[in-house]
N, C-alpha and C. Protein backbone atom coordinates (compact mmCIF):
# COMPACT_ATOMS: atom_id res chain seq x y z
N MET A 1 -2.12 25.18 16.02
CA MET A 1 -2.40 25.93 16.11
C MET A 1 -1.91 26.97 17.39
N ILE A 2 -1.50 28.23 17.47
CA ILE A 2 -0.82 28.68 18.67
C ILE A 2 -2.37 29.30 19.07
N ASP A 3 -2.73 29.70 20.62
CA ASP A 3 -3.64 30.62 21.44
C ASP A 3 -3.78 31.98 20.45
N LEU A 4 -5.02 31.85 19.64
CA LEU A 4 -5.45 33.23 19.45
C LEU A 4 -5.24 34.64 20.22
N SER A 5 -6.33 34.41 21.52
CA SER A 5 -6.27 35.17 22.49
C SER A 5 -4.52 35.91 23.06
N LYS A 6 -3.33 34.84 22.43
CA LYS A 6 -2.55 35.09 22.79
C LYS A 6 -1.82 35.88 21.53
N VAL A 7 -2.23 35.95 20.51
CA VAL A 7 -1.64 36.67 19.47
C VAL A 7 -1.88 38.28 18.97
N ILE A 8 -1.32 38.80 18.70
CA ILE A 8 -1.74 40.20 18.37
C ILE A 8 -1.61 40.35 16.84
N SER A 9 -2.35 41.23 15.80
CA SER A 9 -2.23 41.28 14.54
C SER A 9 -1.87 43.05 14.98
N TYR A 10 -1.23 43.81 13.96
CA TYR A 10 -1.23 44.96 14.49
C TYR A 10 -0.72 45.82 12.70
N ASP A 11 -1.23 46.98 12.88
CA ASP A 11 -0.85 47.69 11.85
C ASP A 11 -0.85 49.38 12.46
N ILE A 12 0.07 50.09 11.07
CA ILE A 12 0.36 51.74 11.62
C ILE A 12 -0.08 52.33 10.25
N GLU A 13 -0.63 53.42 10.44
CA GLU A 13 -0.48 54.63 9.10
C GLU A 13 0.81 55.27 9.82
N THR A 14 1.07 56.22 8.41
CA THR A 14 2.50 57.19 9.04
C THR A 14 2.14 58.62 8.06
N THR A 15 3.16 59.54 8.66
CA THR A 15 3.13 60.54 7.31
C THR A 15 4.18 60.39 6.23
N GLY A 16 4.67 59.42 6.69
CA GLY A 16 5.57 59.25 5.05
C GLY A 16 6.18 57.79 5.05
N LEU A 17 6.97 57.66 4.73
CA LEU A 17 7.75 56.15 4.36
C LEU A 17 9.60 55.85 5.47
N SER A 18 9.68 57.11 5.97
CA SER A 18 10.93 56.89 6.80
C SER A 18 11.08 56.69 8.47
N PRO A 19 11.31 56.23 9.25
CA PRO A 19 11.29 56.13 10.62
C PRO A 19 11.74 57.31 11.25
N LYS A 20 12.84 57.74 10.71
CA LYS A 20 13.39 58.46 10.81
C LYS A 20 12.82 60.33 10.98
N ASP A 21 12.31 60.36 9.58
CA ASP A 21 11.70 61.47 9.23
C ASP A 21 10.36 61.41 9.16
N ASP A 22 9.53 60.69 9.93
CA ASP A 22 8.29 60.90 9.51
C ASP A 22 7.61 60.02 10.89
N ASP A 23 6.05 60.56 11.13
CA ASP A 23 5.67 59.91 12.61
C ASP A 23 4.82 58.99 12.16
N ILE A 24 4.53 58.01 13.31
CA ILE A 24 3.42 57.11 12.98
C ILE A 24 2.03 58.26 13.67
N ILE A 25 0.68 57.88 12.72
CA ILE A 25 -0.29 58.78 12.92
C ILE A 25 -1.29 57.99 13.59
N GLN A 26 -1.21 56.77 13.20
CA GLN A 26 -2.70 55.57 13.68
C GLN A 26 -1.64 54.79 14.15
N LEU A 27 -1.71 53.81 15.34
CA LEU A 27 -1.57 52.18 15.91
C LEU A 27 -2.97 51.28 15.98
N ALA A 28 -2.95 50.68 15.52
CA ALA A 28 -4.28 49.44 15.92
C ALA A 28 -3.45 48.10 16.40
N ILE A 29 -4.06 47.85 17.22
CA ILE A 29 -4.05 46.40 17.73
C ILE A 29 -4.95 45.60 17.96
N VAL A 30 -5.13 44.13 17.23
CA VAL A 30 -6.22 43.43 17.80
C VAL A 30 -5.52 42.25 17.90
N ASP A 31 -6.51 41.28 18.90
CA ASP A 31 -6.09 39.54 18.67
C ASP A 31 -6.36 38.69 17.96
N GLY A 32 -5.71 37.94 18.27
CA GLY A 32 -6.15 37.14 17.09
C GLY A 32 -7.11 36.63 16.25
N TYR A 33 -8.18 36.72 17.26
CA TYR A 33 -9.64 36.65 16.75
C TYR A 33 -9.92 38.01 15.93
N GLY A 34 -9.74 39.03 16.35
CA GLY A 34 -9.67 39.98 15.82
C GLY A 34 -10.34 41.39 16.54
N ASN A 35 -10.09 41.20 17.86
CA ASN A 35 -10.53 42.03 18.78
C ASN A 35 -9.96 42.86 18.79
N GLU A 36 -10.75 44.19 19.35
CA GLU A 36 -9.52 45.53 19.38
C GLU A 36 -9.03 45.73 20.48
N LEU A 37 -7.74 45.71 20.75
CA LEU A 37 -6.78 45.58 22.02
C LEU A 37 -6.94 47.22 21.97
N PHE A 38 -6.05 48.00 21.29
CA PHE A 38 -5.61 49.69 21.20
C PHE A 38 -5.98 49.75 19.59
N ASN A 39 -6.08 50.99 19.72
CA ASN A 39 -6.81 51.77 18.31
C ASN A 39 -6.38 53.31 18.73
N HIS A 40 -5.16 54.20 18.32
CA HIS A 40 -5.58 55.48 18.63
C HIS A 40 -4.90 56.31 17.40
N TYR A 41 -4.99 57.53 17.53
CA TYR A 41 -4.51 58.94 16.22
C TYR A 41 -3.56 59.55 17.04
N PHE A 42 -2.46 59.82 16.51
CA PHE A 42 -1.79 60.35 16.85
C PHE A 42 -1.14 61.69 16.18
N LYS A 43 -0.78 62.65 17.32
CA LYS A 43 -0.31 64.18 16.87
C LYS A 43 1.20 64.17 16.07
N PRO A 44 0.77 64.14 15.11
CA PRO A 44 2.28 64.25 14.19
C PRO A 44 3.38 65.68 14.19
N LYS A 45 4.31 65.33 14.37
CA LYS A 45 5.38 66.43 14.34
C LYS A 45 5.73 66.85 12.73
N HIS A 46 5.46 66.32 11.89
CA HIS A 46 5.52 66.30 10.81
C HIS A 46 4.44 66.29 9.81
N ASN A 47 4.65 67.22 8.44
CA ASN A 47 3.41 67.04 7.96
C ASN A 47 2.98 65.49 7.25
N ILE A 48 1.98 65.42 6.84
CA ILE A 48 1.46 64.48 6.14
C ILE A 48 2.25 64.27 4.65
N ASN A 49 3.25 63.66 4.21
CA ASN A 49 3.15 63.74 2.77
C ASN A 49 2.01 63.48 2.19
N ALA A 50 2.05 64.16 0.53
CA ALA A 50 0.72 63.58 0.48
C ALA A 50 0.29 62.68 -0.47
N GLU A 51 1.54 61.83 -0.90
CA GLU A 51 1.07 60.22 -1.07
C GLU A 51 0.42 59.38 -0.02
N ALA A 52 1.01 59.85 1.52
CA ALA A 52 0.79 59.11 2.42
C ALA A 52 -0.78 59.68 3.06
N GLU A 53 -1.24 60.49 2.46
CA GLU A 53 -2.02 61.18 2.95
C GLU A 53 -3.37 60.65 1.44
N SER A 54 -3.15 60.65 0.74
CA SER A 54 -3.96 60.05 -0.37
C SER A 54 -4.41 58.29 -0.09
N VAL A 55 -3.14 57.74 0.38
CA VAL A 55 -3.80 56.27 1.10
C VAL A 55 -4.45 56.68 2.25
N ASN A 56 -3.88 56.42 3.33
CA ASN A 56 -4.56 56.28 4.59
C ASN A 56 -5.44 58.09 5.05
N HIS A 57 -5.80 58.87 4.12
CA HIS A 57 -6.87 60.10 4.32
C HIS A 57 -7.16 60.87 5.67
N LEU A 58 -5.60 60.59 6.13
CA LEU A 58 -5.91 61.28 8.01
C LEU A 58 -5.47 62.62 7.42
N ASP A 59 -5.32 63.76 8.16
CA ASP A 59 -5.40 65.05 7.85
C ASP A 59 -4.40 65.48 9.00
N PHE A 60 -3.43 66.32 8.80
CA PHE A 60 -2.42 66.79 9.75
C PHE A 60 -3.52 67.78 10.64
N GLU A 61 -4.01 68.71 10.14
CA GLU A 61 -5.07 69.73 11.02
C GLU A 61 -5.56 69.02 12.06
N LYS A 62 -6.46 67.68 11.77
CA LYS A 62 -7.28 67.22 12.53
C LYS A 62 -6.86 66.51 13.39
N LEU A 63 -5.57 65.80 13.56
CA LEU A 63 -4.41 65.32 14.38
C LEU A 63 -3.61 65.98 14.82
N GLN A 64 -4.07 67.09 14.90
CA GLN A 64 -3.28 68.12 15.92
C GLN A 64 -4.32 68.05 17.73
N GLN A 65 -5.38 67.71 17.71
CA GLN A 65 -5.92 67.46 18.74
C GLN A 65 -6.15 66.43 19.62
N GLU A 66 -5.19 65.39 18.80
CA GLU A 66 -4.49 64.17 19.11
C GLU A 66 -2.99 64.40 20.53
N GLN A 67 -2.79 63.30 21.27
CA GLN A 67 -1.62 63.32 21.81
C GLN A 67 -0.60 62.79 21.13
N PRO A 68 0.55 62.56 21.35
CA PRO A 68 1.58 62.12 20.46
C PRO A 68 1.69 60.74 21.01
N PHE A 69 2.89 60.14 19.67
CA PHE A 69 2.66 58.60 20.23
C PHE A 69 3.53 57.98 21.86
N VAL A 70 4.24 59.21 22.12
CA VAL A 70 5.11 58.91 22.61
C VAL A 70 4.01 59.00 24.27
N TRP A 71 3.29 59.33 24.51
CA TRP A 71 1.72 59.31 25.39
C TRP A 71 1.61 58.06 25.18
N TYR A 72 1.60 57.09 24.59
CA TYR A 72 0.53 55.77 24.84
C TYR A 72 1.83 54.85 25.03
N MET A 73 3.07 55.32 24.66
CA MET A 73 4.23 53.99 24.81
C MET A 73 4.01 52.82 25.76
N ASN A 74 4.09 53.53 26.81
CA ASN A 74 3.74 51.83 28.06
C ASN A 74 2.56 51.22 27.85
N GLU A 75 1.72 51.72 27.29
CA GLU A 75 0.51 50.70 27.22
C GLU A 75 0.78 49.98 25.86
N VAL A 76 1.24 50.67 25.03
CA VAL A 76 1.56 49.84 23.81
C VAL A 76 2.58 48.92 23.78
N GLN A 77 3.39 48.98 24.83
CA GLN A 77 5.02 48.18 24.81
C GLN A 77 4.29 47.16 25.90
N THR A 78 3.57 47.30 26.82
CA THR A 78 2.74 46.17 27.55
C THR A 78 1.93 44.96 26.64
N ILE A 79 1.13 45.86 25.86
CA ILE A 79 0.42 44.89 25.20
C ILE A 79 1.16 44.32 24.54
N PHE A 80 2.31 44.22 24.05
CA PHE A 80 3.52 43.92 22.96
C PHE A 80 4.02 42.76 23.38
N CYS A 81 4.25 42.70 25.25
CA CYS A 81 5.04 42.15 25.49
C CYS A 81 4.20 41.42 26.25
N LYS A 82 3.30 40.86 26.20
CA LYS A 82 2.28 40.05 26.64
C LYS A 82 1.81 38.89 25.79
N ALA A 83 1.92 39.35 24.22
CA ALA A 83 1.62 38.48 23.09
C ALA A 83 3.02 37.29 23.18
N ASP A 84 2.05 36.08 22.90
CA ASP A 84 3.11 34.94 22.51
C ASP A 84 3.60 35.28 20.86
N LEU A 85 2.68 35.69 19.64
CA LEU A 85 2.94 35.75 18.90
C LEU A 85 2.47 37.10 18.14
N LEU A 86 3.01 37.99 16.91
CA LEU A 86 2.98 38.96 16.40
C LEU A 86 2.95 38.74 14.90
N LEU A 87 2.35 39.64 14.23
CA LEU A 87 1.07 39.23 13.14
C LEU A 87 1.47 40.42 12.41
N GLY A 88 1.22 40.29 11.12
CA GLY A 88 1.31 42.16 10.45
C GLY A 88 1.46 41.59 8.99
N TYR A 89 0.99 42.33 8.06
CA TYR A 89 1.18 42.62 6.69
C TYR A 89 2.39 43.02 6.18
N ASN A 90 3.32 43.16 6.32
CA ASN A 90 5.04 43.53 5.68
C ASN A 90 5.36 43.91 6.55
N GLN A 91 4.91 43.64 7.97
CA GLN A 91 5.21 44.25 9.22
C GLN A 91 6.80 44.26 9.25
N LEU A 92 7.34 43.34 9.28
CA LEU A 92 8.95 43.48 9.11
C LEU A 92 9.45 44.57 8.70
N ASP A 93 9.32 44.48 7.22
CA ASP A 93 10.13 45.51 6.49
C ASP A 93 9.50 46.95 6.73
N PHE A 94 8.36 47.34 7.48
CA PHE A 94 7.55 48.68 7.60
C PHE A 94 7.44 48.96 9.06
N ASP A 95 5.97 48.46 9.49
CA ASP A 95 5.91 48.57 10.90
C ASP A 95 6.88 48.49 11.95
N ASN A 96 6.93 47.34 11.89
CA ASN A 96 8.35 47.41 13.23
C ASN A 96 9.52 48.28 13.00
N CYS A 97 9.93 48.96 11.72
CA CYS A 97 10.90 49.86 11.79
C CYS A 97 10.22 51.02 12.25
N PHE A 98 9.30 51.53 12.49
CA PHE A 98 8.83 52.27 12.91
C PHE A 98 8.37 52.30 14.43
N LEU A 99 7.88 51.09 14.82
CA LEU A 99 8.08 50.91 16.28
C LEU A 99 9.02 50.91 16.81
N GLN A 100 10.30 50.40 16.62
CA GLN A 100 11.53 50.23 16.76
C GLN A 100 12.26 51.49 17.14
N TYR A 101 11.95 52.36 16.42
CA TYR A 101 12.53 53.62 16.13
C TYR A 101 11.59 54.45 16.64
N ASN A 102 10.39 54.60 17.43
CA ASN A 102 9.63 55.12 18.39
C ASN A 102 9.80 54.95 19.84
N GLY A 103 10.44 53.73 19.78
CA GLY A 103 11.16 53.24 21.04
C GLY A 103 10.25 52.13 21.46
N ILE A 104 9.57 51.39 20.70
CA ILE A 104 9.08 50.18 21.16
C ILE A 104 9.84 48.56 21.16
N ASP A 105 9.78 47.75 22.37
CA ASP A 105 10.96 47.01 21.83
C ASP A 105 10.52 45.60 21.64
N LEU A 106 10.54 45.33 20.10
CA LEU A 106 10.37 43.81 19.59
C LEU A 106 11.24 43.07 19.50
N VAL A 107 12.23 43.30 19.91
CA VAL A 107 13.38 42.00 19.73
C VAL A 107 12.97 40.65 20.54
N TYR A 108 13.46 40.02 19.78
CA TYR A 108 13.11 38.53 20.27
C TYR A 108 11.64 37.86 20.67
N LYS A 109 10.64 38.52 20.07
CA LYS A 109 9.07 38.54 19.72
C LYS A 109 9.16 37.68 18.28
N PRO A 110 8.48 36.35 18.53
CA PRO A 110 8.08 34.90 17.38
C PRO A 110 6.98 36.42 16.76
N SER A 111 7.61 36.70 15.53
CA SER A 111 6.79 37.32 14.43
C SER A 111 6.72 36.51 13.14
N ILE A 112 5.20 36.69 12.46
CA ILE A 112 5.17 35.70 11.32
C ILE A 112 4.12 37.55 10.51
N ASP A 113 5.13 37.69 9.34
CA ASP A 113 4.60 38.42 8.32
C ASP A 113 3.47 37.97 7.29
N VAL A 114 2.53 37.71 7.33
CA VAL A 114 1.32 37.48 6.61
C VAL A 114 1.17 37.32 5.35
N LYS A 115 2.14 39.06 5.02
CA LYS A 115 2.36 39.04 3.35
C LYS A 115 3.27 37.43 2.94
N GLN A 116 4.27 37.23 3.50
CA GLN A 116 5.04 36.76 3.36
C GLN A 116 4.20 35.42 3.46
N MET A 117 3.67 34.78 4.51
CA MET A 117 2.59 33.45 4.35
C MET A 117 1.89 33.45 2.89
N VAL A 118 1.10 34.61 2.61
CA VAL A 118 0.68 34.49 1.67
C VAL A 118 1.28 34.62 0.06
N ALA A 119 2.58 34.83 0.15
CA ALA A 119 3.33 34.55 -0.76
C ALA A 119 3.48 33.19 -0.89
N GLU A 120 4.21 32.47 -0.03
CA GLU A 120 4.36 31.22 0.46
C GLU A 120 3.16 30.31 -0.35
N GLU A 121 1.83 30.38 0.33
CA GLU A 121 0.70 29.53 -0.04
C GLU A 121 0.49 29.32 -1.02
N TRP A 122 -0.05 30.79 -1.91
CA TRP A 122 0.03 30.68 -3.13
C TRP A 122 0.60 30.59 -4.14
N LYS A 123 1.89 30.38 -3.76
CA LYS A 123 3.16 30.66 -4.58
C LYS A 123 2.91 31.25 -5.58
N LEU A 124 2.91 33.00 -5.28
CA LEU A 124 3.25 34.08 -5.84
C LEU A 124 5.05 34.48 -5.84
N ASP A 125 5.22 33.85 -6.85
CA ASP A 125 6.64 33.62 -7.33
C ASP A 125 7.23 35.38 -7.57
N ASN A 126 6.34 36.39 -8.45
CA ASN A 126 7.01 37.77 -8.17
C ASN A 126 6.57 38.48 -7.14
N VAL A 127 5.92 37.95 -5.78
CA VAL A 127 6.49 38.46 -4.59
C VAL A 127 7.61 38.12 -3.98
N LYS A 128 7.63 36.66 -3.85
CA LYS A 128 8.92 36.20 -3.21
C LYS A 128 10.02 36.46 -4.03
N GLN A 129 10.43 36.69 -5.14
CA GLN A 129 11.74 36.76 -5.41
C GLN A 129 12.05 38.26 -5.21
N LYS A 130 10.82 39.24 -4.93
CA LYS A 130 11.50 40.99 -4.71
C LYS A 130 10.99 41.14 -3.16
N TRP A 131 11.11 39.63 -2.43
CA TRP A 131 11.00 40.50 -0.86
C TRP A 131 11.79 41.04 -0.15
N HIS A 132 12.71 41.03 -0.29
CA HIS A 132 13.54 41.88 0.56
C HIS A 132 14.13 43.06 -0.20
N HIS A 133 13.90 43.27 -1.34
CA HIS A 133 14.34 44.19 -2.42
C HIS A 133 13.82 45.48 -2.08
N SER A 134 12.28 45.45 -1.88
CA SER A 134 11.38 46.36 -1.06
C SER A 134 10.12 46.10 -0.69
N PRO A 135 10.27 47.27 0.25
CA PRO A 135 8.54 46.31 0.75
C PRO A 135 7.88 47.07 0.38
N TYR A 136 7.92 47.61 -1.00
CA TYR A 136 6.26 48.29 -1.57
C TYR A 136 6.08 47.31 -2.50
N HIS A 137 6.60 46.19 -2.79
CA HIS A 137 5.90 45.36 -4.35
C HIS A 137 4.56 44.90 -4.13
N ARG A 138 3.92 44.90 -5.35
CA ARG A 138 2.51 44.49 -5.13
C ARG A 138 2.02 43.59 -4.89
N PHE A 139 1.24 43.23 -3.79
CA PHE A 139 0.39 42.24 -3.74
C PHE A 139 -0.51 42.72 -2.13
N HIS A 140 -1.27 43.21 -2.36
CA HIS A 140 -2.10 44.50 -1.12
C HIS A 140 -2.98 43.61 0.09
N LEU A 141 -3.26 43.81 1.07
CA LEU A 141 -3.45 43.13 1.94
C LEU A 141 -5.24 42.97 1.35
N SER A 142 -5.88 43.77 0.94
CA SER A 142 -6.82 43.97 0.44
C SER A 142 -6.98 42.80 -1.17
N GLU A 143 -6.12 42.47 -1.51
CA GLU A 143 -6.25 41.38 -2.06
C GLU A 143 -6.11 39.73 -1.34
N ALA A 144 -5.32 39.79 -0.50
CA ALA A 144 -5.54 38.40 0.14
C ALA A 144 -6.79 38.46 1.42
N ALA A 145 -7.47 39.82 1.51
CA ALA A 145 -8.37 39.45 2.42
C ALA A 145 -9.81 39.06 1.16
N SER A 146 -9.41 39.94 0.76
CA SER A 146 -10.79 39.46 -0.58
C SER A 146 -10.73 37.46 -0.93
N MET A 147 -9.60 37.25 -1.06
CA MET A 147 -9.11 36.28 -1.55
C MET A 147 -9.85 34.92 -0.52
N THR A 148 -9.50 35.38 0.54
CA THR A 148 -9.78 34.61 2.13
C THR A 148 -11.29 34.65 2.57
N GLY A 149 -12.11 35.99 1.65
CA GLY A 149 -13.64 35.78 2.19
C GLY A 149 -13.63 37.23 3.04
N TYR A 150 -12.85 37.83 3.67
CA TYR A 150 -12.64 38.63 4.81
C TYR A 150 -14.06 39.98 4.31
N ASP A 151 -14.79 40.04 4.94
CA ASP A 151 -15.73 41.06 5.23
C ASP A 151 -15.21 42.16 5.88
N TRP A 152 -14.86 43.26 4.89
CA TRP A 152 -14.28 45.15 5.83
C TRP A 152 -15.57 45.56 6.49
N GLY A 153 -16.69 44.98 6.20
CA GLY A 153 -17.71 46.12 7.33
C GLY A 153 -17.60 47.27 7.25
N LYS A 154 -17.42 48.21 7.93
CA LYS A 154 -17.67 49.68 7.81
C LYS A 154 -15.86 50.08 7.65
N GLY A 155 -14.98 49.13 8.05
CA GLY A 155 -13.74 49.34 7.69
C GLY A 155 -13.45 49.61 6.02
N GLN A 156 -11.99 50.12 5.95
CA GLN A 156 -11.72 50.31 4.89
C GLN A 156 -10.32 50.17 4.96
N ALA A 157 -9.67 49.27 3.54
CA ALA A 157 -8.15 49.54 3.38
C ALA A 157 -7.42 50.65 3.95
N HIS A 158 -6.77 50.71 4.17
CA HIS A 158 -5.37 51.88 5.11
C HIS A 158 -6.63 52.67 6.20
N ASP A 159 -6.95 52.02 6.82
CA ASP A 159 -7.11 52.47 8.46
C ASP A 159 -6.88 51.53 9.01
N ALA A 160 -5.59 52.01 10.03
CA ALA A 160 -4.87 50.54 10.60
C ALA A 160 -5.93 49.65 12.05
N LEU A 161 -6.64 49.77 12.03
CA LEU A 161 -8.00 49.04 12.73
C LEU A 161 -8.16 47.98 11.80
N ALA A 162 -8.70 48.45 10.73
CA ALA A 162 -9.22 47.58 9.47
C ALA A 162 -8.31 46.60 9.21
N ASP A 163 -7.24 47.24 8.43
CA ASP A 163 -6.31 46.51 8.26
C ASP A 163 -5.53 45.24 9.33
N ALA A 164 -5.77 46.04 9.91
CA ALA A 164 -5.29 44.97 11.41
C ALA A 164 -5.89 43.53 11.91
N LYS A 165 -7.42 44.07 11.68
CA LYS A 165 -8.60 42.90 11.38
C LYS A 165 -7.96 41.67 10.31
N ALA A 166 -8.26 42.44 9.18
CA ALA A 166 -8.15 41.81 8.27
C ALA A 166 -6.62 40.87 8.17
N THR A 167 -5.68 41.31 8.77
CA THR A 167 -4.48 40.65 8.72
C THR A 167 -4.78 39.05 9.50
N ALA A 168 -5.44 39.30 10.87
CA ALA A 168 -5.78 38.43 11.45
C ALA A 168 -6.51 37.53 10.84
N HIS A 169 -7.57 37.83 10.35
CA HIS A 169 -8.66 37.35 9.38
C HIS A 169 -7.40 36.43 8.15
N VAL A 170 -6.82 36.88 7.59
CA VAL A 170 -6.02 36.15 6.59
C VAL A 170 -5.28 35.19 7.14
N TYR A 171 -4.66 35.50 8.46
CA TYR A 171 -3.72 34.15 9.29
C TYR A 171 -4.61 33.12 9.63
N ARG A 172 -5.65 33.36 10.24
CA ARG A 172 -6.56 32.44 10.83
C ARG A 172 -6.88 31.55 9.20
N LYS A 173 -6.96 32.09 8.44
CA LYS A 173 -7.64 31.38 7.16
C LYS A 173 -6.70 30.38 7.05
N LEU A 174 -5.59 30.92 7.09
CA LEU A 174 -4.27 30.31 6.34
C LEU A 174 -4.08 29.21 7.18
N ALA A 175 -4.00 29.36 8.30
CA ALA A 175 -3.38 28.50 9.82
C ALA A 175 -4.36 27.57 9.56
N LYS A 176 -5.52 27.39 9.33
CA LYS A 176 -6.51 26.48 9.42
C LYS A 176 -6.18 25.73 8.49
N GLN A 177 -5.66 25.99 7.05
CA GLN A 177 -5.47 25.17 5.94
C GLN A 177 -4.30 24.22 5.97
N ASN A 178 -3.04 24.45 7.02
CA ASN A 178 -2.01 24.24 7.33
C ASN A 178 -1.47 24.29 8.71
N ASP A 179 -1.84 23.03 9.30
CA ASP A 179 -0.78 23.00 10.94
C ASP A 179 0.05 23.28 11.29
N GLU A 180 0.83 22.99 10.07
CA GLU A 180 2.18 23.85 10.39
C GLU A 180 2.67 24.99 10.18
N THR A 181 1.75 26.22 9.91
CA THR A 181 1.51 26.94 9.41
C THR A 181 2.98 28.17 10.25
N ASP A 182 2.30 27.98 11.58
CA ASP A 182 2.84 28.34 12.52
C ASP A 182 4.45 28.39 12.36
N LYS A 183 4.99 27.09 12.35
CA LYS A 183 6.10 26.70 12.74
C LYS A 183 7.07 26.89 11.46
N VAL A 184 6.61 26.85 10.24
CA VAL A 184 7.08 27.46 9.08
C VAL A 184 7.55 29.10 8.87
N TYR A 185 6.61 29.90 9.38
CA TYR A 185 6.40 31.66 8.80
C TYR A 185 7.26 32.37 10.07
N LEU A 186 7.26 31.21 11.17
CA LEU A 186 7.93 32.00 12.23
C LEU A 186 9.36 32.69 12.13
N ASN A 187 9.05 34.08 12.44
CA ASN A 187 10.06 34.72 12.40
C ASN A 187 10.77 35.17 13.93
N MET A 188 12.32 35.43 13.90
CA MET A 188 12.36 36.01 15.14
C MET A 188 12.95 37.32 14.69
N ASP A 189 11.78 38.30 14.95
CA ASP A 189 12.19 39.69 14.79
C ASP A 189 13.51 40.03 15.24
N LYS A 190 14.42 41.31 14.36
CA LYS A 190 15.60 41.98 14.97
C LYS A 190 15.47 43.35 14.57
């Protein structure tokens, strides 16, 4: 298994579903052990659509006191550059698109989408068959976390920090079960 101190797990919350028309309003990054490396909220340029607000419970007005994402770009890029492996839950189809659209260079970083790993490990054919058709097919991180015994503590699903920690946990549990996990699920994100 890879050195977990060189692994990062990350998650974002956004104002909507389009990297071009919506903003990142929270980014959290933890190492492979779940230790917090970065967690900030950002001032959005666009209103938060009703569906996104009902999921992430972030309020446009409250976020106006935060700095914009660009304020933290160098710090975020440095964290990504130092990592040997990137983890996320559906990040290849969602989070990475937002991060790259906002100037974060993820090209050629080894990456594992833990949602795909879960689908393969647990033989979830309904998830595998629709893998690239829609990033919103239904096997939630909260279900994977529950099935691997994750304790959310004070965190809750759809908070970027709580989700990044849960993703790291699911990865650790599945990687322990299979020494070949890193080799099998390793993707080069483009």
